[in-house]
PDB file of all heavy atoms in Angstrom:
ATOM      1  N   ALA A   1     181.378 170.503 140.151  1.00  0.00           N
ATOM      2  CA  ALA A   1     179.936 170.312 140.212  1.00  0.00           C
ATOM      3  C   ALA A   1     179.586 168.889 139.800  1.00  0.00           C
ATOM      4  O   ALA A   1     180.062 168.400 138.783  1.00  0.00           O
ATOM      5  CB  ALA A   1     179.239 171.309 139.277  1.00  0.00           C
ATOM      6  N   PRO A   2     178.775 168.192 140.590  1.00  0.00           N
ATOM      7  CA  PRO A   2     178.396 166.816 140.237  1.00  0.00           C
ATOM      8  C   PRO A   2     177.480 166.797 139.017  1.00  0.00           C
ATOM      9  O   PRO A   2     176.721 167.730 138.771  1.00  0.00           O
ATOM     10  CB  PRO A   2     177.659 166.330 141.487  1.00  0.00           C
ATOM     11  CG  PRO A   2     177.120 167.573 142.105  1.00  0.00           C
ATOM     12  CD  PRO A   2     178.153 168.651 141.837  1.00  0.00           C
ATOM     13  N   VAL A   3     177.568 165.723 138.254  1.00  0.00           N
ATOM     14  CA  VAL A   3     176.706 165.546 137.093  1.00  0.00           C
ATOM     15  C   VAL A   3     175.511 164.709 137.522  1.00  0.00           C
ATOM     16  O   VAL A   3     175.666 163.615 138.074  1.00  0.00           O
ATOM     17  CB  VAL A   3     177.459 164.838 135.952  1.00  0.00           C
ATOM     18  CG1 VAL A   3     176.530 164.615 134.761  1.00  0.00           C
ATOM     19  CG2 VAL A   3     178.673 165.664 135.544  1.00  0.00           C
ATOM     20  N   ALA A   4     174.336 165.213 137.273  1.00  0.00           N
ATOM     21  CA  ALA A   4     173.126 164.513 137.693  1.00  0.00           C
ATOM     22  C   ALA A   4     172.990 163.186 136.951  1.00  0.00           C
ATOM     23  O   ALA A   4     173.288 163.098 135.757  1.00  0.00           O
ATOM     24  CB  ALA A   4     171.902 165.390 137.425  1.00  0.00           C
ATOM     25  N   GLU A   5     172.523 162.162 137.704  1.00  0.00           N
ATOM     26  CA  GLU A   5     172.338 160.853 137.079  1.00  0.00           C
ATOM     27  C   GLU A   5     171.332 160.925 135.941  1.00  0.00           C
ATOM     28  O   GLU A   5     171.457 160.216 134.940  1.00  0.00           O
ATOM     29  CB  GLU A   5     171.880 159.841 138.119  1.00  0.00           C
ATOM     30  CG  GLU A   5     172.954 159.461 139.121  1.00  0.00           C
ATOM     31  CD  GLU A   5     172.489 158.353 140.048  1.00  0.00           C
ATOM     32  OE1 GLU A   5     171.438 157.746 139.762  1.00  0.00           O
ATOM     33  OE2 GLU A   5     173.182 158.102 141.049  1.00  0.00           O
ATOM     34  N   ASP A   6     170.324 161.774 136.079  1.00  0.00           N
ATOM     35  CA  ASP A   6     169.323 161.918 135.026  1.00  0.00           C
ATOM     36  C   ASP A   6     169.955 162.421 133.736  1.00  0.00           C
ATOM     37  O   ASP A   6     169.580 162.005 132.642  1.00  0.00           O
ATOM     38  CB  ASP A   6     168.210 162.872 135.468  1.00  0.00           C
ATOM     39  CG  ASP A   6     167.294 162.234 136.517  1.00  0.00           C
ATOM     40  OD1 ASP A   6     167.394 161.005 136.699  1.00  0.00           O
ATOM     41  OD2 ASP A   6     166.501 162.969 137.125  1.00  0.00           O
ATOM     42  N   ASP A   7     170.917 163.351 133.877  1.00  0.00           N
ATOM     43  CA  ASP A   7     171.581 163.892 132.697  1.00  0.00           C
ATOM     44  C   ASP A   7     172.384 162.808 131.982  1.00  0.00           C
ATOM     45  O   ASP A   7     172.384 162.717 130.754  1.00  0.00           O
ATOM     46  CB  ASP A   7     172.516 165.041 133.093  1.00  0.00           C
ATOM     47  CG  ASP A   7     171.745 166.274 133.553  1.00  0.00           C
ATOM     48  OD1 ASP A   7     170.545 166.357 133.223  1.00  0.00           O
ATOM     49  OD2 ASP A   7     172.344 167.125 134.224  1.00  0.00           O
ATOM     50  N   VAL A   8     173.077 161.977 132.771  1.00  0.00           N
ATOM     51  CA  VAL A   8     173.854 160.887 132.189  1.00  0.00           C
ATOM     52  C   VAL A   8     172.936 159.895 131.487  1.00  0.00           C
ATOM     53  O   VAL A   8     173.208 159.426 130.386  1.00  0.00           O
ATOM     54  CB  VAL A   8     174.685 160.173 133.275  1.00  0.00           C
ATOM     55  CG1 VAL A   8     175.383 158.943 132.698  1.00  0.00           C
ATOM     56  CG2 VAL A   8     175.709 161.133 133.876  1.00  0.00           C
ATOM     57  N   SER A   9     171.825 159.581 132.127  1.00  0.00           N
ATOM     58  CA  SER A   9     170.863 158.649 131.542  1.00  0.00           C
ATOM     59  C   SER A   9     170.289 159.180 130.244  1.00  0.00           C
ATOM     60  O   SER A   9     170.145 158.441 129.257  1.00  0.00           O
ATOM     61  CB  SER A   9     169.734 158.371 132.539  1.00  0.00           C
ATOM     62  OG  SER A   9     168.779 157.496 131.993  1.00  0.00           O
ATOM     63  N   LEU A  10     169.977 160.474 130.219  1.00  0.00           N
ATOM     64  CA  LEU A  10     169.449 161.084 129.001  1.00  0.00           C
ATOM     65  C   LEU A  10     170.479 161.051 127.879  1.00  0.00           C
ATOM     66  O   LEU A  10     170.137 160.791 126.719  1.00  0.00           O
ATOM     67  CB  LEU A  10     169.011 162.524 129.279  1.00  0.00           C
ATOM     68  CG  LEU A  10     167.698 162.704 130.036  1.00  0.00           C
ATOM     69  CD1 LEU A  10     167.491 164.167 130.398  1.00  0.00           C
ATOM     70  CD2 LEU A  10     166.527 162.186 129.197  1.00  0.00           C
ATOM     71  N   ALA A  11     171.734 161.325 128.238  1.00  0.00           N
ATOM     72  CA  ALA A  11     172.795 161.293 127.234  1.00  0.00           C
ATOM     73  C   ALA A  11     172.945 159.896 126.653  1.00  0.00           C
ATOM     74  O   ALA A  11     173.096 159.717 125.437  1.00  0.00           O
ATOM     75  CB  ALA A  11     174.118 161.760 127.849  1.00  0.00           C
ATOM     76  N   TYR A  12     172.869 158.903 127.518  1.00  0.00           N
ATOM     77  CA  TYR A  12     172.998 157.519 127.065  1.00  0.00           C
ATOM     78  C   TYR A  12     171.831 157.137 126.152  1.00  0.00           C
ATOM     79  O   TYR A  12     172.026 156.597 125.053  1.00  0.00           O
ATOM     80  CB  TYR A  12     173.052 156.577 128.265  1.00  0.00           C
ATOM     81  CG  TYR A  12     173.102 155.118 127.877  1.00  0.00           C
ATOM     82  CD1 TYR A  12     174.308 154.511 127.550  1.00  0.00           C
ATOM     83  CD2 TYR A  12     171.935 154.351 127.816  1.00  0.00           C
ATOM     84  CE1 TYR A  12     174.359 153.171 127.178  1.00  0.00           C
ATOM     85  CE2 TYR A  12     171.981 153.018 127.447  1.00  0.00           C
ATOM     86  CZ  TYR A  12     173.189 152.441 127.122  1.00  0.00           C
ATOM     87  OH  TYR A  12     173.229 151.118 126.742  1.00  0.00           O
ATOM     88  N   GLU A  13     170.623 157.408 126.596  1.00  0.00           N
ATOM     89  CA  GLU A  13     169.448 157.023 125.814  1.00  0.00           C
ATOM     90  C   GLU A  13     169.397 157.770 124.484  1.00  0.00           C
ATOM     91  O   GLU A  13     169.055 157.194 123.443  1.00  0.00           O
ATOM     92  CB  GLU A  13     168.161 157.294 126.622  1.00  0.00           C
ATOM     93  CG  GLU A  13     168.015 156.431 127.858  1.00  0.00           C
ATOM     94  CD  GLU A  13     167.921 154.950 127.530  1.00  0.00           C
ATOM     95  OE1 GLU A  13     167.469 154.620 126.410  1.00  0.00           O
ATOM     96  OE2 GLU A  13     168.281 154.122 128.386  1.00  0.00           O
ATOM     97  N   GLY A  14     169.736 159.052 124.533  1.00  0.00           N
ATOM     98  CA  GLY A  14     169.744 159.828 123.290  1.00  0.00           C
ATOM     99  C   GLY A  14     170.783 159.325 122.304  1.00  0.00           C
ATOM    100  O   GLY A  14     170.531 159.238 121.096  1.00  0.00           O
ATOM    101  N   SER A  15     171.962 158.979 122.825  1.00  0.00           N
ATOM    102  CA  SER A  15     173.022 158.464 121.967  1.00  0.00           C
ATOM    103  C   SER A  15     172.630 157.120 121.359  1.00  0.00           C
ATOM    104  O   SER A  15     172.882 156.856 120.186  1.00  0.00           O
ATOM    105  CB  SER A  15     174.327 158.311 122.761  1.00  0.00           C
ATOM    106  OG  SER A  15     174.786 159.564 123.210  1.00  0.00           O
ATOM    107  N   LEU A  16     172.007 156.276 122.161  1.00  0.00           N
ATOM    108  CA  LEU A  16     171.607 154.959 121.671  1.00  0.00           C
ATOM    109  C   LEU A  16     170.566 155.084 120.571  1.00  0.00           C
ATOM    110  O   LEU A  16     170.616 154.371 119.557  1.00  0.00           O
ATOM    111  CB  LEU A  16     171.052 154.131 122.834  1.00  0.00           C
ATOM    112  CG  LEU A  16     170.955 152.626 122.603  1.00  0.00           C
ATOM    113  CD1 LEU A  16     172.312 152.026 122.294  1.00  0.00           C
ATOM    114  CD2 LEU A  16     170.351 151.949 123.824  1.00  0.00           C
ATOM    115  N   LEU A  17     169.627 156.013 120.743  1.00  0.00           N
ATOM    116  CA  LEU A  17     168.614 156.234 119.720  1.00  0.00           C
ATOM    117  C   LEU A  17     169.255 156.719 118.418  1.00  0.00           C
ATOM    118  O   LEU A  17     168.905 156.257 117.321  1.00  0.00           O
ATOM    119  CB  LEU A  17     167.589 157.245 120.221  1.00  0.00           C
ATOM    120  CG  LEU A  17     166.446 157.595 119.253  1.00  0.00           C
ATOM    121  CD1 LEU A  17     165.616 156.362 118.931  1.00  0.00           C
ATOM    122  CD2 LEU A  17     165.562 158.698 119.853  1.00  0.00           C
ATOM    123  N   ALA A  18     170.220 157.637 118.538  1.00  0.00           N
ATOM    124  CA  ALA A  18     170.903 158.145 117.351  1.00  0.00           C
ATOM    125  C   ALA A  18     171.730 157.046 116.681  1.00  0.00           C
ATOM    126  O   ALA A  18     171.807 156.970 115.455  1.00  0.00           O
ATOM    127  CB  ALA A  18     171.798 159.321 117.727  1.00  0.00           C
ATOM    128  N   LEU A  19     172.341 156.172 117.482  1.00  0.00           N
ATOM    129  CA  LEU A  19     173.099 155.051 116.922  1.00  0.00           C
ATOM    130  C   LEU A  19     172.197 154.110 116.139  1.00  0.00           C
ATOM    131  O   LEU A  19     172.602 153.572 115.088  1.00  0.00           O
ATOM    132  CB  LEU A  19     173.808 154.278 118.036  1.00  0.00           C
ATOM    133  CG  LEU A  19     175.045 154.931 118.652  1.00  0.00           C
ATOM    134  CD1 LEU A  19     175.530 154.113 119.851  1.00  0.00           C
ATOM    135  CD2 LEU A  19     176.163 155.075 117.626  1.00  0.00           C
ATOM    136  N   GLU A  20     170.992 153.900 116.610  1.00  0.00           N
ATOM    137  CA  GLU A  20     170.057 153.040 115.887  1.00  0.00           C
ATOM    138  C   GLU A  20     169.726 153.627 114.522  1.00  0.00           C
ATOM    139  O   GLU A  20     169.570 152.888 113.533  1.00  0.00           O
ATOM    140  CB  GLU A  20     168.776 152.860 116.711  1.00  0.00           C
ATOM    141  CG  GLU A  20     168.986 152.003 117.955  1.00  0.00           C
ATOM    142  CD  GLU A  20     167.767 151.978 118.853  1.00  0.00           C
ATOM    143  OE1 GLU A  20     166.786 152.703 118.545  1.00  0.00           O
ATOM    144  OE2 GLU A  20     167.766 151.237 119.858  1.00  0.00           O
ATOM    145  N   MET A  21     169.656 154.941 114.424  1.00  0.00           N
ATOM    146  CA  MET A  21     169.394 155.587 113.140  1.00  0.00           C
ATOM    147  C   MET A  21     170.575 155.401 112.198  1.00  0.00           C
ATOM    148  O   MET A  21     170.398 155.149 111.000  1.00  0.00           O
ATOM    149  CB  MET A  21     169.087 157.070 113.364  1.00  0.00           C
ATOM    150  CG  MET A  21     167.825 157.327 114.184  1.00  0.00           C
ATOM    151  SD  MET A  21     167.589 159.067 114.633  1.00  0.00           S
ATOM    152  CE  MET A  21     167.293 159.777 113.023  1.00  0.00           C
ATOM    153  N   VAL A  22     171.785 155.516 112.748  1.00  0.00           N
ATOM    154  CA  VAL A  22     172.978 155.287 111.924  1.00  0.00           C
ATOM    155  C   VAL A  22     173.029 153.828 111.475  1.00  0.00           C
ATOM    156  O   VAL A  22     173.365 153.514 110.325  1.00  0.00           O
ATOM    157  CB  VAL A  22     174.259 155.660 112.692  1.00  0.00           C
ATOM    158  CG1 VAL A  22     175.498 155.340 111.852  1.00  0.00           C
ATOM    159  CG2 VAL A  22     174.250 157.138 113.073  1.00  0.00           C
ATOM    160  N   GLU A  23     172.678 152.912 112.374  1.00  0.00           N
ATOM    161  CA  GLU A  23     172.646 151.492 112.022  1.00  0.00           C
ATOM    162  C   GLU A  23     171.728 151.245 110.825  1.00  0.00           C
ATOM    163  O   GLU A  23     172.066 150.485 109.901  1.00  0.00           O
ATOM    164  CB  GLU A  23     172.172 150.672 113.218  1.00  0.00           C
ATOM    165  CG  GLU A  23     172.059 149.182 112.906  1.00  0.00           C
ATOM    166  CD  GLU A  23     171.397 148.392 114.025  1.00  0.00           C
ATOM    167  OE1 GLU A  23     170.938 149.014 115.014  1.00  0.00           O
ATOM    168  OE2 GLU A  23     171.343 147.157 113.900  1.00  0.00           O
ATOM    169  N   ASN A  24     170.568 151.873 110.822  1.00  0.00           N
ATOM    170  CA  ASN A  24     169.641 151.705 109.702  1.00  0.00           C
ATOM    171  C   ASN A  24     170.265 152.177 108.393  1.00  0.00           C
ATOM    172  O   ASN A  24     170.075 151.546 107.344  1.00  0.00           O
ATOM    173  CB  ASN A  24     168.341 152.470 109.976  1.00  0.00           C
ATOM    174  CG  ASN A  24     167.526 151.846 111.097  1.00  0.00           C
ATOM    175  OD1 ASN A  24     167.648 150.656 111.380  1.00  0.00           O
ATOM    176  ND2 ASN A  24     166.710 152.660 111.757  1.00  0.00           N
ATOM    177  N   GLU A  25     170.995 153.285 108.451  1.00  0.00           N
ATOM    178  CA  GLU A  25     171.683 153.794 107.254  1.00  0.00           C
ATOM    179  C   GLU A  25     172.735 152.796 106.779  1.00  0.00           C
ATOM    180  O   GLU A  25     172.916 152.576 105.583  1.00  0.00           O
ATOM    181  CB  GLU A  25     172.336 155.143 107.570  1.00  0.00           C
ATOM    182  CG  GLU A  25     171.381 156.280 107.838  1.00  0.00           C
ATOM    183  CD  GLU A  25     170.838 156.887 106.554  1.00  0.00           C
ATOM    184  OE1 GLU A  25     171.404 156.609 105.481  1.00  0.00           O
ATOM    185  OE2 GLU A  25     169.863 157.652 106.632  1.00  0.00           O
ATOM    186  N   MET A  26     173.452 152.185 107.721  1.00  0.00           N
ATOM    187  CA  MET A  26     174.500 151.232 107.374  1.00  0.00           C
ATOM    188  C   MET A  26     173.912 149.976 106.731  1.00  0.00           C
ATOM    189  O   MET A  26     174.438 149.455 105.747  1.00  0.00           O
ATOM    190  CB  MET A  26     175.315 150.876 108.608  1.00  0.00           C
ATOM    191  CG  MET A  26     176.088 152.047 109.188  1.00  0.00           C
ATOM    192  SD  MET A  26     176.824 151.684 110.802  1.00  0.00           S
ATOM    193  CE  MET A  26     178.171 150.601 110.315  1.00  0.00           C
ATOM    194  N   ARG A  27     172.818 149.480 107.290  1.00  0.00           N
ATOM    195  CA  ARG A  27     172.205 148.271 106.735  1.00  0.00           C
ATOM    196  C   ARG A  27     171.659 148.518 105.333  1.00  0.00           C
ATOM    197  O   ARG A  27     171.610 147.612 104.492  1.00  0.00           O
ATOM    198  CB  ARG A  27     171.095 147.770 107.658  1.00  0.00           C
ATOM    199  CG  ARG A  27     171.625 147.245 108.987  1.00  0.00           C
ATOM    200  CD  ARG A  27     170.641 146.327 109.665  1.00  0.00           C
ATOM    201  NE  ARG A  27     171.160 145.846 110.956  1.00  0.00           N
ATOM    202  CZ  ARG A  27     172.024 144.848 111.086  1.00  0.00           C
ATOM    203  NH1 ARG A  27     172.468 144.219 110.000  1.00  0.00           N
ATOM    204  NH2 ARG A  27     172.447 144.466 112.280  1.00  0.00           N
ATOM    205  N   ALA A  28     171.262 149.752 105.055  1.00  0.00           N
ATOM    206  CA  ALA A  28     170.704 150.077 103.749  1.00  0.00           C
ATOM    207  C   ALA A  28     171.744 149.985 102.634  1.00  0.00           C
ATOM    208  O   ALA A  28     171.394 149.755 101.474  1.00  0.00           O
ATOM    209  CB  ALA A  28     170.086 151.476 103.780  1.00  0.00           C
ATOM    210  N   VAL A  29     173.035 150.158 102.984  1.00  0.00           N
ATOM    211  CA  VAL A  29     174.075 150.124 101.950  1.00  0.00           C
ATOM    212  C   VAL A  29     174.892 148.841 101.991  1.00  0.00           C
ATOM    213  O   VAL A  29     175.718 148.600 101.113  1.00  0.00           O
ATOM    214  CB  VAL A  29     175.030 151.334 102.081  1.00  0.00           C
ATOM    215  CG1 VAL A  29     174.264 152.631 101.922  1.00  0.00           C
ATOM    216  CG2 VAL A  29     175.780 151.316 103.408  1.00  0.00           C
ATOM    217  N   SER A  30     174.675 147.998 102.978  1.00  0.00           N
ATOM    218  CA  SER A  30     175.439 146.762 103.106  1.00  0.00           C
ATOM    219  C   SER A  30     174.977 145.737 102.078  1.00  0.00           C
ATOM    220  O   SER A  30     173.783 145.622 101.792  1.00  0.00           O
ATOM    221  CB  SER A  30     175.283 146.185 104.518  1.00  0.00           C
ATOM    222  OG  SER A  30     175.892 144.909 104.605  1.00  0.00           O
ATOM    223  N   ASP A  31     175.932 144.974 101.531  1.00  0.00           N
ATOM    224  CA  ASP A  31     175.551 143.914 100.608  1.00  0.00           C
ATOM    225  C   ASP A  31     175.202 142.622 101.359  1.00  0.00           C
ATOM    226  O   ASP A  31     174.782 141.642 100.761  1.00  0.00           O
ATOM    227  CB  ASP A  31     176.658 143.638  99.586  1.00  0.00           C
ATOM    228  CG  ASP A  31     177.949 143.161 100.231  1.00  0.00           C
ATOM    229  OD1 ASP A  31     178.050 143.202 101.476  1.00  0.00           O
ATOM    230  OD2 ASP A  31     178.861 142.745  99.486  1.00  0.00           O
ATOM    231  N   ARG A  32     175.389 142.627 102.697  1.00  0.00           N
ATOM    232  CA  ARG A  32     175.029 141.475 103.522  1.00  0.00           C
ATOM    233  C   ARG A  32     174.332 141.965 104.794  1.00  0.00           C
ATOM    234  O   ARG A  32     174.796 141.708 105.907  1.00  0.00           O
ATOM    235  CB  ARG A  32     176.271 140.665 103.896  1.00  0.00           C
ATOM    236  CG  ARG A  32     177.018 140.075 102.722  1.00  0.00           C
ATOM    237  CD  ARG A  32     178.145 139.179 103.216  1.00  0.00           C
ATOM    238  NE  ARG A  32     179.133 139.927 103.971  1.00  0.00           N
ATOM    239  CZ  ARG A  32     179.742 139.465 105.068  1.00  0.00           C
ATOM    240  NH1 ARG A  32     179.434 138.290 105.557  1.00  0.00           N
ATOM    241  NH2 ARG A  32     180.661 140.192 105.679  1.00  0.00           N
ATOM    242  N   PRO A  33     173.221 142.687 104.666  1.00  0.00           N
ATOM    243  CA  PRO A  33     172.610 143.314 105.846  1.00  0.00           C
ATOM    244  C   PRO A  33     172.166 142.325 106.914  1.00  0.00           C
ATOM    245  O   PRO A  33     172.134 142.656 108.099  1.00  0.00           O
ATOM    246  CB  PRO A  33     171.404 144.068 105.255  1.00  0.00           C
ATOM    247  CG  PRO A  33     171.126 143.385 103.951  1.00  0.00           C
ATOM    248  CD  PRO A  33     172.446 142.930 103.445  1.00  0.00           C
ATOM    249  N   ALA A  34     171.824 141.105 106.519  1.00  0.00           N
ATOM    250  CA  ALA A  34     171.329 140.147 107.503  1.00  0.00           C
ATOM    251  C   ALA A  34     172.443 139.366 108.185  1.00  0.00           C
ATOM    252  O   ALA A  34     172.264 138.852 109.284  1.00  0.00           O
ATOM    253  CB  ALA A  34     170.362 139.173 106.830  1.00  0.00           C
ATOM    254  N   SER A  35     173.611 139.276 107.533  1.00  0.00           N
ATOM    255  CA  SER A  35     174.667 138.417 108.068  1.00  0.00           C
ATOM    256  C   SER A  35     175.743 139.165 108.841  1.00  0.00           C
ATOM    257  O   SER A  35     176.559 138.550 109.523  1.00  0.00           O
ATOM    258  CB  SER A  35     175.330 137.634 106.921  1.00  0.00           C
ATOM    259  OG  SER A  35     175.893 138.516 105.974  1.00  0.00           O
ATOM    260  N   VAL A  36     175.785 140.482 108.729  1.00  0.00           N
ATOM    261  CA  VAL A  36     176.767 141.280 109.465  1.00  0.00           C
ATOM    262  C   VAL A  36     176.114 141.821 110.731  1.00  0.00           C
ATOM    263  O   VAL A  36     175.128 142.556 110.671  1.00  0.00           O
ATOM    264  CB  VAL A  36     177.316 142.440 108.620  1.00  0.00           C
ATOM    265  CG1 VAL A  36     178.282 143.286 109.438  1.00  0.00           C
ATOM    266  CG2 VAL A  36     178.017 141.909 107.377  1.00  0.00           C
ATOM    267  N   LYS A  37     176.676 141.457 111.866  1.00  0.00           N
ATOM    268  CA  LYS A  37     176.154 141.935 113.144  1.00  0.00           C
ATOM    269  C   LYS A  37     176.629 143.361 113.384  1.00  0.00           C
ATOM    270  O   LYS A  37     177.797 143.684 113.165  1.00  0.00           O
ATOM    271  CB  LYS A  37     176.644 141.023 114.273  1.00  0.00           C
ATOM    272  CG  LYS A  37     176.165 141.420 115.655  1.00  0.00           C
ATOM    273  CD  LYS A  37     176.702 140.457 116.702  1.00  0.00           C
ATOM    274  CE  LYS A  37     176.256 140.843 118.105  1.00  0.00           C
ATOM    275  NZ  LYS A  37     176.808 139.915 119.125  1.00  0.00           N
ATOM    276  N   ILE A  38     175.728 144.233 113.815  1.00  0.00           N
ATOM    277  CA  ILE A  38     176.090 145.609 114.173  1.00  0.00           C
ATOM    278  C   ILE A  38     175.818 145.792 115.660  1.00  0.00           C
ATOM    279  O   ILE A  38     174.679 145.718 116.115  1.00  0.00           O
ATOM    280  CB  ILE A  38     175.327 146.645 113.345  1.00  0.00           C
ATOM    281  CG1 ILE A  38     175.620 146.466 111.844  1.00  0.00           C
ATOM    282  CG2 ILE A  38     175.704 148.060 113.790  1.00  0.00           C
ATOM    283  CD1 ILE A  38     174.917 147.461 110.944  1.00  0.00           C
ATOM    284  N   LEU A  39     176.896 146.023 116.407  1.00  0.00           N
ATOM    285  CA  LEU A  39     176.815 146.210 117.851  1.00  0.00           C
ATOM    286  C   LEU A  39     176.880 147.696 118.162  1.00  0.00           C
ATOM    287  O   LEU A  39     177.787 148.400 117.695  1.00  0.00           O
ATOM    288  CB  LEU A  39     177.976 145.474 118.528  1.00  0.00           C
ATOM    289  CG  LEU A  39     178.085 145.565 120.055  1.00  0.00           C
ATOM    290  CD1 LEU A  39     176.877 144.897 120.709  1.00  0.00           C
ATOM    291  CD2 LEU A  39     179.381 144.916 120.522  1.00  0.00           C
TER     292      LEU A  39
END
């Protein structure tokens, strides 16, 4: 069964949003939040 492009797009966008939340948690505990790049 083919996977709908909309489903893939939703998975990507949802994952990216969740990653941004994790990034915020990481910056909160970093001793160099401004100098460490998070990709």
